[in-house]
Amino acid sequence: STDYVFDGEGSRPYRTEDTRRPLSSYGRSKLEGEARVTSKCPDAHSIVRTGWLYGAGKGFVDWARSRLEQGETVPVVTDQSGSPTYARDLADGILRVAEGAHLGAFHFVNKGEATWLEVGQAVAGALGYDEDRLTPILASALERPAPRPTYSALDVSRYERATKTMVRPWHEALNDYLAGARKG
């Protein structure tokens, strides 16, 4: 599932048990999927919510990298915060939930939170580009089919307790991804 099930009105990372109030039909469809899984398998289900996903040519990180490499400026949103997530780490996290037969809802994102601007700054810095190539904008300047929650950082503590695995910080995961992308 996704961070879109939350309304973005929070001020601390959302816990799995926090009230879900999606802002868009996309978020409502994900919440409906969660409800159906829970009702069909009340004692034997696992739900993993994530957000701000990147990896293998998809997502903001590769889009920003591509624009920087082409000498373009990168418009980056300053008024949204969330938890960047490396797809490879998410895949490993989902496997740990499944292989451990952990039941219920879990959040898996890389630890910490950032604005899109902070993620853009981290991408530019890791690749050796000047941050003046980043252009701060507000989310309202984008025409998105599904409004993203203003604040959607996720708390991974339930996942860490259940799997006895610490989730690495988003900066570390991002640097690993970018280092691998430069080699490939």
N, C-alpha and C. Protein backbone atom coordinates (compact mmCIF):
# COMPACT_ATOMS: atom_id res chain seq x y z
N SER A 1 0.85 -1.18 0.00
CA SER A 1 0.00 0.00 0.00
C SER A 1 0.89 1.24 0.00
N THR A 2 0.35 2.37 0.38
CA THR A 2 1.02 3.63 0.13
C THR A 2 0.78 4.68 1.22
N ASP A 3 1.66 5.67 1.25
CA ASP A 3 1.49 6.80 2.15
C ASP A 3 0.31 7.68 1.74
N TYR A 4 -0.21 7.50 0.55
CA TYR A 4 -1.38 8.25 0.09
C TYR A 4 -2.64 7.93 0.90
N VAL A 5 -2.62 6.91 1.75
CA VAL A 5 -3.80 6.62 2.59
C VAL A 5 -3.92 7.62 3.74
N PHE A 6 -2.89 8.43 3.96
CA PHE A 6 -2.92 9.43 5.03
C PHE A 6 -3.23 10.81 4.44
N ASP A 7 -3.77 11.69 5.29
CA ASP A 7 -4.21 13.01 4.81
C ASP A 7 -3.13 14.08 4.80
N GLY A 8 -1.96 13.78 5.35
CA GLY A 8 -0.87 14.74 5.32
C GLY A 8 -0.95 15.82 6.38
N GLU A 9 -1.88 15.71 7.31
CA GLU A 9 -2.04 16.72 8.36
C GLU A 9 -1.16 16.42 9.57
N GLY A 10 -0.44 15.30 9.56
CA GLY A 10 0.40 14.91 10.69
C GLY A 10 1.63 15.79 10.85
N SER A 11 2.28 15.63 12.00
CA SER A 11 3.51 16.38 12.25
C SER A 11 4.62 15.47 12.75
N ARG A 12 4.36 14.18 12.80
CA ARG A 12 5.36 13.18 13.14
C ARG A 12 5.11 12.00 12.21
N PRO A 13 6.13 11.16 12.00
CA PRO A 13 5.93 10.03 11.07
C PRO A 13 4.69 9.21 11.45
N TYR A 14 3.90 8.89 10.43
CA TYR A 14 2.66 8.12 10.65
C TYR A 14 2.98 6.71 11.10
N ARG A 15 2.27 6.28 12.13
CA ARG A 15 2.36 4.90 12.62
C ARG A 15 1.32 4.06 11.88
N THR A 16 1.51 2.77 11.91
CA THR A 16 0.59 1.89 11.18
C THR A 16 -0.84 2.02 11.67
N GLU A 17 -1.03 2.31 12.94
CA GLU A 17 -2.38 2.37 13.51
C GLU A 17 -3.02 3.76 13.41
N ASP A 18 -2.32 4.74 12.87
CA ASP A 18 -2.89 6.08 12.75
C ASP A 18 -4.09 6.08 11.80
N THR A 19 -4.99 7.02 12.04
CA THR A 19 -6.19 7.16 11.22
C THR A 19 -5.81 7.44 9.77
N ARG A 20 -6.43 6.69 8.89
CA ARG A 20 -6.19 6.87 7.46
C ARG A 20 -7.33 7.69 6.86
N ARG A 21 -6.96 8.75 6.17
CA ARG A 21 -7.92 9.65 5.52
C ARG A 21 -7.33 10.08 4.18
N PRO A 22 -7.48 9.28 3.14
CA PRO A 22 -6.88 9.63 1.85
C PRO A 22 -7.51 10.87 1.22
N LEU A 23 -6.69 11.61 0.47
CA LEU A 23 -7.12 12.84 -0.18
C LEU A 23 -7.59 12.64 -1.62
N SER A 24 -7.26 11.49 -2.20
CA SER A 24 -7.52 11.28 -3.63
C SER A 24 -8.15 9.92 -3.88
N SER A 25 -8.66 9.74 -5.10
CA SER A 25 -9.23 8.44 -5.45
C SER A 25 -8.14 7.36 -5.44
N TYR A 26 -6.91 7.75 -5.79
CA TYR A 26 -5.79 6.80 -5.71
C TYR A 26 -5.63 6.30 -4.27
N GLY A 27 -5.55 7.22 -3.32
CA GLY A 27 -5.41 6.85 -1.92
C GLY A 27 -6.60 6.05 -1.42
N ARG A 28 -7.81 6.45 -1.85
CA ARG A 28 -9.02 5.71 -1.44
C ARG A 28 -9.00 4.30 -2.00
N SER A 29 -8.49 4.12 -3.23
CA SER A 29 -8.45 2.77 -3.81
C SER A 29 -7.46 1.89 -3.04
N LYS A 30 -6.35 2.48 -2.60
CA LYS A 30 -5.38 1.72 -1.81
C LYS A 30 -5.97 1.35 -0.45
N LEU A 31 -6.68 2.29 0.16
CA LEU A 31 -7.33 2.02 1.45
C LEU A 31 -8.40 0.93 1.29
N GLU A 32 -9.14 0.98 0.20
CA GLU A 32 -10.14 -0.05 -0.08
C GLU A 32 -9.46 -1.42 -0.25
N GLY A 33 -8.33 -1.45 -0.92
CA GLY A 33 -7.58 -2.70 -1.05
C GLY A 33 -7.15 -3.24 0.31
N GLU A 34 -6.67 -2.36 1.17
CA GLU A 34 -6.30 -2.77 2.53
C GLU A 34 -7.52 -3.37 3.25
N ALA A 35 -8.66 -2.69 3.13
CA ALA A 35 -9.88 -3.15 3.81
C ALA A 35 -10.32 -4.53 3.29
N ARG A 36 -10.20 -4.73 1.99
CA ARG A 36 -10.61 -6.02 1.42
C ARG A 36 -9.69 -7.15 1.88
N VAL A 37 -8.40 -6.89 1.88
CA VAL A 37 -7.45 -7.90 2.35
C VAL A 37 -7.74 -8.24 3.81
N THR A 38 -7.94 -7.21 4.62
CA THR A 38 -8.20 -7.41 6.05
C THR A 38 -9.50 -8.18 6.28
N SER A 39 -10.55 -7.87 5.50
CA SER A 39 -11.83 -8.56 5.71
C SER A 39 -11.80 -10.00 5.20
N LYS A 40 -11.09 -10.25 4.10
CA LYS A 40 -11.04 -11.61 3.55
C LYS A 40 -10.13 -12.53 4.36
N CYS A 41 -9.09 -11.97 4.95
CA CYS A 41 -8.13 -12.77 5.72
C CYS A 41 -7.84 -12.07 7.05
N PRO A 42 -8.84 -11.98 7.93
CA PRO A 42 -8.66 -11.18 9.16
C PRO A 42 -7.52 -11.66 10.06
N ASP A 43 -7.22 -12.94 10.04
CA ASP A 43 -6.18 -13.47 10.92
C ASP A 43 -4.92 -13.89 10.17
N ALA A 44 -4.82 -13.57 8.88
CA ALA A 44 -3.66 -14.04 8.12
C ALA A 44 -3.32 -13.10 6.97
N HIS A 45 -3.11 -11.83 7.30
CA HIS A 45 -2.76 -10.88 6.24
C HIS A 45 -1.56 -10.03 6.63
N SER A 46 -0.89 -9.56 5.61
CA SER A 46 0.21 -8.61 5.79
C SER A 46 0.02 -7.49 4.77
N ILE A 47 0.14 -6.28 5.25
CA ILE A 47 0.06 -5.10 4.40
C ILE A 47 1.33 -4.30 4.64
N VAL A 48 2.01 -3.90 3.56
CA VAL A 48 3.22 -3.08 3.69
C VAL A 48 2.95 -1.77 2.96
N ARG A 49 2.99 -0.68 3.72
CA ARG A 49 2.84 0.66 3.12
C ARG A 49 4.23 1.26 2.88
N THR A 50 4.35 1.98 1.79
CA THR A 50 5.61 2.64 1.46
C THR A 50 5.33 3.99 0.84
N GLY A 51 6.37 4.70 0.49
CA GLY A 51 6.20 6.00 -0.16
C GLY A 51 7.50 6.48 -0.77
N TRP A 52 7.40 7.44 -1.65
CA TRP A 52 8.52 8.14 -2.27
C TRP A 52 9.54 7.15 -2.85
N LEU A 53 9.05 6.20 -3.61
CA LEU A 53 9.85 5.10 -4.14
C LEU A 53 10.70 5.52 -5.33
N TYR A 54 11.92 5.01 -5.37
CA TYR A 54 12.82 5.24 -6.51
C TYR A 54 13.65 3.99 -6.74
N GLY A 55 14.14 3.85 -7.98
CA GLY A 55 15.02 2.74 -8.32
C GLY A 55 14.84 2.33 -9.77
N ALA A 56 15.90 1.81 -10.35
CA ALA A 56 15.89 1.22 -11.70
C ALA A 56 15.14 2.06 -12.73
N GLY A 57 15.52 3.33 -12.86
CA GLY A 57 14.96 4.17 -13.90
C GLY A 57 13.61 4.77 -13.60
N LYS A 58 13.12 4.60 -12.39
CA LYS A 58 11.80 5.11 -12.04
C LYS A 58 11.91 6.10 -10.87
N GLY A 59 11.03 7.07 -10.86
CA GLY A 59 10.90 7.94 -9.72
C GLY A 59 11.68 9.24 -9.82
N PHE A 60 11.52 10.05 -8.80
CA PHE A 60 12.11 11.38 -8.74
C PHE A 60 13.63 11.36 -8.86
N VAL A 61 14.29 10.42 -8.21
CA VAL A 61 15.75 10.41 -8.19
C VAL A 61 16.32 10.29 -9.60
N ASP A 62 15.83 9.35 -10.38
CA ASP A 62 16.34 9.20 -11.75
C ASP A 62 15.91 10.35 -12.65
N TRP A 63 14.73 10.88 -12.42
CA TRP A 63 14.28 12.04 -13.19
C TRP A 63 15.19 13.23 -12.92
N ALA A 64 15.47 13.48 -11.63
CA ALA A 64 16.36 14.60 -11.27
C ALA A 64 17.76 14.37 -11.82
N ARG A 65 18.27 13.16 -11.68
CA ARG A 65 19.61 12.85 -12.19
C ARG A 65 19.69 13.09 -13.70
N SER A 66 18.69 12.64 -14.42
CA SER A 66 18.67 12.81 -15.86
C SER A 66 18.68 14.29 -16.24
N ARG A 67 17.87 15.07 -15.58
CA ARG A 67 17.83 16.51 -15.88
C ARG A 67 19.16 17.17 -15.56
N LEU A 68 19.77 16.80 -14.44
CA LEU A 68 21.07 17.37 -14.08
C LEU A 68 22.12 16.99 -15.12
N GLU A 69 22.13 15.73 -15.54
CA GLU A 69 23.10 15.27 -16.53
C GLU A 69 22.93 15.97 -17.87
N GLN A 70 21.70 16.37 -18.19
CA GLN A 70 21.42 17.05 -19.46
C GLN A 70 21.61 18.56 -19.35
N GLY A 71 22.07 19.04 -18.20
CA GLY A 71 22.33 20.46 -18.02
C GLY A 71 21.09 21.29 -17.77
N GLU A 72 19.99 20.64 -17.45
CA GLU A 72 18.72 21.34 -17.21
C GLU A 72 18.59 21.71 -15.74
N THR A 73 17.69 22.64 -15.47
CA THR A 73 17.36 22.93 -14.08
C THR A 73 16.33 21.90 -13.62
N VAL A 74 16.24 21.73 -12.31
CA VAL A 74 15.34 20.74 -11.74
C VAL A 74 14.37 21.44 -10.80
N PRO A 75 13.09 21.52 -11.16
CA PRO A 75 12.12 22.09 -10.23
C PRO A 75 11.86 21.09 -9.10
N VAL A 76 11.99 21.56 -7.87
CA VAL A 76 11.81 20.67 -6.72
C VAL A 76 10.86 21.29 -5.70
N VAL A 77 9.95 20.48 -5.23
CA VAL A 77 8.91 20.92 -4.30
C VAL A 77 9.50 21.11 -2.90
N THR A 78 9.14 22.23 -2.30
CA THR A 78 9.67 22.56 -0.97
C THR A 78 8.64 22.36 0.14
N ASP A 79 7.37 22.20 -0.20
CA ASP A 79 6.33 22.17 0.83
C ASP A 79 5.70 20.78 1.01
N GLN A 80 6.43 19.74 0.69
CA GLN A 80 6.00 18.37 0.97
C GLN A 80 7.16 17.63 1.62
N SER A 81 6.84 16.84 2.63
CA SER A 81 7.85 16.03 3.32
C SER A 81 7.38 14.58 3.34
N GLY A 82 8.35 13.68 3.19
CA GLY A 82 8.04 12.26 3.23
C GLY A 82 9.30 11.47 3.48
N SER A 83 9.20 10.17 3.22
CA SER A 83 10.31 9.26 3.48
C SER A 83 10.76 8.61 2.17
N PRO A 84 11.89 9.04 1.61
CA PRO A 84 12.39 8.42 0.38
C PRO A 84 12.67 6.92 0.60
N THR A 85 12.39 6.12 -0.42
CA THR A 85 12.52 4.67 -0.29
C THR A 85 13.18 4.07 -1.53
N TYR A 86 14.29 3.38 -1.31
CA TYR A 86 15.00 2.67 -2.37
C TYR A 86 14.26 1.36 -2.63
N ALA A 87 13.88 1.12 -3.89
CA ALA A 87 13.09 -0.06 -4.26
C ALA A 87 13.74 -1.37 -3.81
N ARG A 88 15.06 -1.46 -3.90
CA ARG A 88 15.75 -2.69 -3.49
C ARG A 88 15.56 -2.93 -1.98
N ASP A 89 15.65 -1.87 -1.18
CA ASP A 89 15.44 -2.02 0.26
C ASP A 89 14.00 -2.43 0.55
N LEU A 90 13.04 -1.84 -0.19
CA LEU A 90 11.64 -2.21 -0.02
C LEU A 90 11.43 -3.69 -0.34
N ALA A 91 12.01 -4.16 -1.44
CA ALA A 91 11.87 -5.57 -1.81
C ALA A 91 12.41 -6.48 -0.70
N ASP A 92 13.58 -6.13 -0.17
CA ASP A 92 14.13 -6.91 0.95
C ASP A 92 13.21 -6.86 2.17
N GLY A 93 12.64 -5.69 2.43
CA GLY A 93 11.73 -5.54 3.56
C GLY A 93 10.48 -6.38 3.42
N ILE A 94 9.90 -6.38 2.23
CA ILE A 94 8.70 -7.19 1.99
C ILE A 94 9.03 -8.67 2.15
N LEU A 95 10.20 -9.10 1.66
CA LEU A 95 10.60 -10.50 1.82
C LEU A 95 10.72 -10.87 3.30
N ARG A 96 11.29 -9.97 4.10
CA ARG A 96 11.41 -10.25 5.54
C ARG A 96 10.05 -10.41 6.19
N VAL A 97 9.08 -9.59 5.79
CA VAL A 97 7.73 -9.71 6.34
C VAL A 97 7.12 -11.05 5.93
N ALA A 98 7.24 -11.38 4.64
CA ALA A 98 6.64 -12.61 4.14
C ALA A 98 7.32 -13.86 4.71
N GLU A 99 8.65 -13.89 4.65
CA GLU A 99 9.37 -15.07 5.12
C GLU A 99 9.22 -15.26 6.63
N GLY A 100 9.06 -14.19 7.36
CA GLY A 100 8.87 -14.28 8.81
C GLY A 100 7.43 -14.49 9.20
N ALA A 101 6.53 -14.56 8.21
CA ALA A 101 5.10 -14.72 8.45
C ALA A 101 4.59 -13.68 9.45
N HIS A 102 5.06 -12.46 9.31
CA HIS A 102 4.61 -11.36 10.17
C HIS A 102 3.27 -10.87 9.67
N LEU A 103 2.32 -10.75 10.57
CA LEU A 103 0.95 -10.39 10.19
C LEU A 103 0.60 -8.97 10.61
N GLY A 104 -0.32 -8.37 9.85
CA GLY A 104 -0.81 -7.03 10.15
C GLY A 104 -0.24 -6.02 9.18
N ALA A 105 -0.31 -4.76 9.59
CA ALA A 105 0.18 -3.67 8.74
C ALA A 105 1.57 -3.24 9.18
N PHE A 106 2.40 -2.95 8.19
CA PHE A 106 3.77 -2.49 8.43
C PHE A 106 4.05 -1.31 7.51
N HIS A 107 4.94 -0.46 7.95
CA HIS A 107 5.46 0.59 7.07
C HIS A 107 6.89 0.23 6.74
N PHE A 108 7.24 0.37 5.46
CA PHE A 108 8.64 0.23 5.09
C PHE A 108 9.02 1.38 4.17
N VAL A 109 9.88 2.23 4.68
CA VAL A 109 10.52 3.32 3.95
C VAL A 109 11.93 3.39 4.52
N ASN A 110 12.83 4.05 3.83
CA ASN A 110 14.13 4.28 4.45
C ASN A 110 13.93 5.31 5.55
N LYS A 111 14.67 5.16 6.63
CA LYS A 111 14.46 5.98 7.83
C LYS A 111 14.73 7.45 7.60
N GLY A 112 13.93 8.25 8.26
CA GLY A 112 14.09 9.69 8.20
C GLY A 112 13.06 10.31 7.29
N GLU A 113 13.14 11.62 7.18
CA GLU A 113 12.21 12.34 6.33
C GLU A 113 12.94 13.49 5.65
N ALA A 114 12.35 13.94 4.56
CA ALA A 114 12.97 15.01 3.77
C ALA A 114 11.90 15.68 2.93
N THR A 115 12.21 16.87 2.47
CA THR A 115 11.39 17.50 1.43
C THR A 115 11.97 17.03 0.09
N TRP A 116 11.22 17.26 -0.98
CA TRP A 116 11.74 16.93 -2.30
C TRP A 116 12.99 17.76 -2.57
N LEU A 117 13.02 18.98 -2.06
CA LEU A 117 14.21 19.82 -2.24
C LEU A 117 15.42 19.17 -1.59
N GLU A 118 15.25 18.66 -0.39
CA GLU A 118 16.37 18.00 0.30
C GLU A 118 16.83 16.75 -0.45
N VAL A 119 15.89 16.01 -1.02
CA VAL A 119 16.27 14.84 -1.82
C VAL A 119 17.02 15.32 -3.07
N GLY A 120 16.52 16.36 -3.71
CA GLY A 120 17.21 16.91 -4.88
C GLY A 120 18.61 17.39 -4.55
N GLN A 121 18.76 18.04 -3.39
CA GLN A 121 20.08 18.49 -2.96
C GLN A 121 21.01 17.31 -2.74
N ALA A 122 20.49 16.23 -2.17
CA ALA A 122 21.31 15.04 -1.94
C ALA A 122 21.73 14.40 -3.26
N VAL A 123 20.83 14.36 -4.24
CA VAL A 123 21.15 13.81 -5.56
C VAL A 123 22.23 14.67 -6.21
N ALA A 124 22.01 15.98 -6.24
CA ALA A 124 22.99 16.89 -6.86
C ALA A 124 24.35 16.76 -6.19
N GLY A 125 24.37 16.74 -4.86
CA GLY A 125 25.63 16.64 -4.13
C GLY A 125 26.36 15.34 -4.41
N ALA A 126 25.62 14.23 -4.41
CA ALA A 126 26.24 12.92 -4.64
C ALA A 126 26.83 12.81 -6.04
N LEU A 127 26.23 13.52 -6.99
CA LEU A 127 26.68 13.45 -8.38
C LEU A 127 27.63 14.58 -8.75
N GLY A 128 27.90 15.47 -7.80
CA GLY A 128 28.85 16.55 -8.04
C GLY A 128 28.29 17.73 -8.81
N TYR A 129 26.98 17.90 -8.79
CA TYR A 129 26.36 19.05 -9.46
C TYR A 129 26.09 20.16 -8.45
N ASP A 130 26.10 21.39 -8.95
CA ASP A 130 25.85 22.55 -8.12
C ASP A 130 24.36 22.63 -7.78
N GLU A 131 24.06 22.90 -6.52
CA GLU A 131 22.66 22.97 -6.08
C GLU A 131 21.91 24.15 -6.69
N ASP A 132 22.60 25.10 -7.28
CA ASP A 132 21.89 26.23 -7.89
C ASP A 132 21.11 25.81 -9.13
N ARG A 133 21.29 24.55 -9.56
CA ARG A 133 20.52 24.00 -10.68
C ARG A 133 19.13 23.54 -10.23
N LEU A 134 18.90 23.58 -8.90
CA LEU A 134 17.60 23.20 -8.35
C LEU A 134 16.75 24.46 -8.20
N THR A 135 15.51 24.39 -8.68
CA THR A 135 14.59 25.52 -8.59
C THR A 135 13.46 25.17 -7.63
N PRO A 136 13.43 25.81 -6.46
CA PRO A 136 12.36 25.54 -5.49
C PRO A 136 10.99 25.97 -6.03
N ILE A 137 9.99 25.10 -5.88
CA ILE A 137 8.62 25.42 -6.27
C ILE A 137 7.69 24.88 -5.19
N LEU A 138 6.43 25.30 -5.24
CA LEU A 138 5.40 24.77 -4.35
C LEU A 138 4.66 23.64 -5.07
N ALA A 139 4.14 22.70 -4.31
CA ALA A 139 3.41 21.57 -4.90
C ALA A 139 2.24 22.04 -5.76
N SER A 140 1.64 23.15 -5.39
CA SER A 140 0.49 23.65 -6.14
C SER A 140 0.87 24.03 -7.58
N ALA A 141 2.15 24.21 -7.86
CA ALA A 141 2.60 24.54 -9.22
C ALA A 141 2.55 23.32 -10.14
N LEU A 142 2.46 22.14 -9.57
CA LEU A 142 2.42 20.91 -10.36
C LEU A 142 0.97 20.52 -10.64
N GLU A 143 0.76 19.98 -11.80
CA GLU A 143 -0.58 19.47 -12.13
C GLU A 143 -0.53 17.96 -12.00
N ARG A 144 -0.87 17.49 -10.82
CA ARG A 144 -0.82 16.06 -10.53
C ARG A 144 -2.24 15.48 -10.51
N PRO A 145 -2.42 14.29 -11.08
CA PRO A 145 -3.76 13.68 -11.07
C PRO A 145 -4.21 13.29 -9.66
N ALA A 146 -3.26 12.97 -8.78
CA ALA A 146 -3.61 12.60 -7.40
C ALA A 146 -2.80 13.49 -6.47
N PRO A 147 -3.47 14.33 -5.68
CA PRO A 147 -2.72 15.19 -4.77
C PRO A 147 -1.97 14.36 -3.73
N ARG A 148 -0.70 14.67 -3.56
CA ARG A 148 0.13 13.98 -2.58
C ARG A 148 -0.09 14.64 -1.22
N PRO A 149 -0.13 13.84 -0.15
CA PRO A 149 -0.22 14.43 1.19
C PRO A 149 0.96 15.37 1.43
N THR A 150 0.72 16.49 2.09
CA THR A 150 1.78 17.45 2.38
C THR A 150 2.86 16.83 3.25
N TYR A 151 2.45 16.04 4.22
CA TYR A 151 3.39 15.36 5.11
C TYR A 151 3.04 13.88 5.10
N SER A 152 4.01 13.04 4.72
CA SER A 152 3.69 11.60 4.65
C SER A 152 4.85 10.72 5.09
N ALA A 153 5.69 11.22 5.98
CA ALA A 153 6.75 10.37 6.53
C ALA A 153 6.11 9.20 7.28
N LEU A 154 6.74 8.04 7.19
CA LEU A 154 6.20 6.84 7.82
C LEU A 154 7.15 6.33 8.90
N ASP A 155 6.57 5.86 9.98
CA ASP A 155 7.29 5.30 11.11
C ASP A 155 7.50 3.81 10.86
N VAL A 156 8.75 3.35 10.91
CA VAL A 156 9.07 1.95 10.62
C VAL A 156 9.31 1.11 11.88
N SER A 157 9.00 1.64 13.04
CA SER A 157 9.34 0.95 14.29
C SER A 157 8.63 -0.41 14.42
N ARG A 158 7.40 -0.53 13.97
CA ARG A 158 6.70 -1.83 14.06
C ARG A 158 7.41 -2.86 13.20
N TYR A 159 7.82 -2.46 12.00
CA TYR A 159 8.57 -3.35 11.12
C TYR A 159 9.88 -3.78 11.80
N GLU A 160 10.61 -2.83 12.36
CA GLU A 160 11.90 -3.14 12.99
C GLU A 160 11.73 -4.09 14.17
N ARG A 161 10.69 -3.87 14.97
CA ARG A 161 10.46 -4.77 16.12
C ARG A 161 10.11 -6.18 15.64
N ALA A 162 9.22 -6.28 14.65
CA ALA A 162 8.76 -7.59 14.18
C ALA A 162 9.88 -8.37 13.51
N THR A 163 10.65 -7.72 12.66
CA THR A 163 11.67 -8.42 11.88
C THR A 163 13.04 -8.43 12.55
N LYS A 164 13.16 -7.66 13.64
CA LYS A 164 14.45 -7.52 14.34
C LYS A 164 15.53 -7.03 13.38
N THR A 165 15.12 -6.12 12.49
CA THR A 165 16.01 -5.55 11.48
C THR A 165 15.91 -4.03 11.53
N MET A 166 17.05 -3.38 11.57
CA MET A 166 17.07 -1.92 11.52
C MET A 166 17.02 -1.47 10.06
N VAL A 167 16.19 -0.49 9.78
CA VAL A 167 16.08 0.07 8.44
C VAL A 167 17.14 1.17 8.30
N ARG A 168 17.83 1.18 7.18
CA ARG A 168 18.89 2.17 7.03
C ARG A 168 18.31 3.54 6.65
N PRO A 169 19.05 4.59 6.96
CA PRO A 169 18.60 5.95 6.66
C PRO A 169 18.50 6.21 5.16
N TRP A 170 17.63 7.13 4.79
CA TRP A 170 17.40 7.41 3.37
C TRP A 170 18.64 7.94 2.68
N HIS A 171 19.45 8.74 3.38
CA HIS A 171 20.68 9.27 2.75
C HIS A 171 21.62 8.12 2.34
N GLU A 172 21.77 7.16 3.23
CA GLU A 172 22.67 6.03 2.95
C GLU A 172 22.16 5.21 1.76
N ALA A 173 20.86 4.92 1.76
CA ALA A 173 20.27 4.15 0.66
C ALA A 173 20.40 4.91 -0.66
N LEU A 174 20.15 6.21 -0.64
CA LEU A 174 20.26 7.01 -1.85
C LEU A 174 21.68 7.02 -2.38
N ASN A 175 22.66 7.18 -1.51
CA ASN A 175 24.06 7.18 -1.95
C ASN A 175 24.44 5.83 -2.55
N ASP A 176 23.98 4.73 -1.95
CA ASP A 176 24.25 3.41 -2.51
C ASP A 176 23.63 3.27 -3.90
N TYR A 177 22.40 3.72 -4.03
CA TYR A 177 21.72 3.63 -5.33
C TYR A 177 22.46 4.44 -6.39
N LEU A 178 22.80 5.67 -6.06
CA LEU A 178 23.48 6.52 -7.03
C LEU A 178 24.87 5.99 -7.38
N ALA A 179 25.58 5.42 -6.41
CA ALA A 179 26.89 4.83 -6.69
C ALA A 179 26.75 3.66 -7.65
N GLY A 180 25.75 2.84 -7.46
CA GLY A 180 25.48 1.71 -8.35
C GLY A 180 25.06 2.16 -9.74
N ALA A 181 24.28 3.24 -9.80
CA ALA A 181 23.81 3.75 -11.09
C ALA A 181 24.99 4.32 -11.89
N ARG A 182 25.96 4.91 -11.22
CA ARG A 182 27.12 5.47 -11.92
C ARG A 182 27.97 4.35 -12.52
N LYS A 183 28.03 3.20 -11.82
CA LYS A 183 28.81 2.07 -12.32
C LYS A 183 28.12 1.41 -13.51
N GLY A 184 26.76 1.37 -13.43
CA GLY A 184 25.99 0.65 -14.45
C GLY A 184 25.80 1.49 -15.64
